[in-house]
Amino acid sequence: MNGLGRIGTYLAIFTEIGLVLLIAVLAGVLAGSWVDRQLGTTPIFLLVGLILGLAAGTFAVYRLMTRFLARWG
């Protein structure tokens, strides 16, 4: 692969990593915030959602990178 194609590939993977982390964390925080509003327990489930979102995002990035490295090395 030429240099320009490799740069495009890296830009795509870095963009996907950022979006995956953003969506996972945002979903966790929004879900936790909703549960907190329903139960009246303000920061507890928001923090739980944040931690779960970070864990899910980290796992998704790990899977993404293992597939990427297996293909492109």
Protein backbone atom coordinates (compact mmCIF):
# COMPACT_ATOMS: atom_id res chain seq x y z
CA MET A 1 0.00 0.00 0.00
CA ASN A 2 1.32 3.46 -0.83
CA GLY A 3 1.92 6.14 1.79
CA LEU A 4 -1.27 8.08 1.09
CA GLY A 5 -3.46 4.98 1.39
CA ARG A 6 -1.81 4.03 4.65
CA ILE A 7 -2.41 7.52 6.06
CA GLY A 8 -6.08 7.29 5.06
CA THR A 9 -6.35 3.91 6.74
CA TYR A 10 -4.87 5.24 9.96
CA LEU A 11 -7.12 8.31 9.89
CA ALA A 12 -10.15 6.08 9.45
CA ILE A 13 -9.22 3.80 12.34
CA PHE A 14 -8.47 6.71 14.69
CA THR A 15 -11.78 8.36 13.77
CA GLU A 16 -13.62 5.11 14.44
CA ILE A 17 -11.89 4.71 17.81
CA GLY A 18 -12.97 8.20 18.85
CA LEU A 19 -16.55 7.68 17.73
CA VAL A 20 -16.83 4.28 19.43
CA LEU A 21 -15.59 5.71 22.73
CA LEU A 22 -17.82 8.77 22.45
CA ILE A 23 -20.97 6.77 21.72
CA ALA A 24 -20.32 4.16 24.41
CA VAL A 25 -19.60 6.71 27.14
CA LEU A 26 -22.45 8.98 26.08
CA ALA A 27 -24.92 6.07 26.08
CA GLY A 28 -23.78 4.99 29.54
CA VAL A 29 -24.01 8.50 30.97
CA LEU A 30 -27.42 9.16 29.45
CA ALA A 31 -28.80 5.83 30.66
CA GLY A 32 -27.37 6.41 34.13
CA SER A 33 -28.77 9.91 34.24
CA TRP A 34 -32.21 8.64 33.23
CA VAL A 35 -32.16 5.97 35.96
CA ASP A 36 -31.07 8.60 38.50
CA ARG A 37 -33.98 10.84 37.54
CA GLN A 38 -36.43 7.96 37.85
CA LEU A 39 -35.15 6.87 41.27
CA GLY A 40 -34.05 10.23 42.65
CA THR A 41 -30.49 9.02 43.32
CA THR A 42 -28.59 11.79 41.59
CA PRO A 43 -24.96 10.87 40.95
CA ILE A 44 -24.94 7.14 41.67
CA PHE A 45 -26.22 5.62 38.43
CA LEU A 46 -24.65 8.37 36.35
CA LEU A 47 -21.26 7.23 37.65
CA VAL A 48 -22.19 3.57 37.15
CA GLY A 49 -23.24 4.38 33.58
CA LEU A 50 -20.00 6.26 33.02
CA ILE A 51 -17.91 3.33 34.24
CA LEU A 52 -19.92 0.82 32.20
CA GLY A 53 -19.68 3.05 29.13
CA LEU A 54 -15.92 3.34 29.53
CA ALA A 55 -15.62 -0.43 29.95
CA ALA A 56 -17.79 -1.12 26.91
CA GLY A 57 -15.88 1.45 24.85
CA THR A 58 -12.53 0.01 25.89
CA PHE A 59 -13.66 -3.50 24.97
CA ALA A 60 -14.98 -2.28 21.61
CA VAL A 61 -11.70 -0.50 20.85
CA TYR A 62 -9.76 -3.64 21.81
CA ARG A 63 -11.83 -5.73 19.38
CA LEU A 64 -11.48 -3.08 16.68
CA MET A 65 -7.70 -2.92 17.08
CA THR A 66 -7.22 -6.69 17.10
CA ARG A 67 -9.16 -6.96 13.82
CA PHE A 68 -7.23 -4.02 12.37
CA LEU A 69 -3.84 -5.40 13.36
CA ALA A 70 -4.71 -8.89 12.11
CA ARG A 71 -5.50 -7.43 8.71
CA TRP A 72 -2.87 -4.71 8.35
CA GLY A 73 -0.21 -5.85 10.83
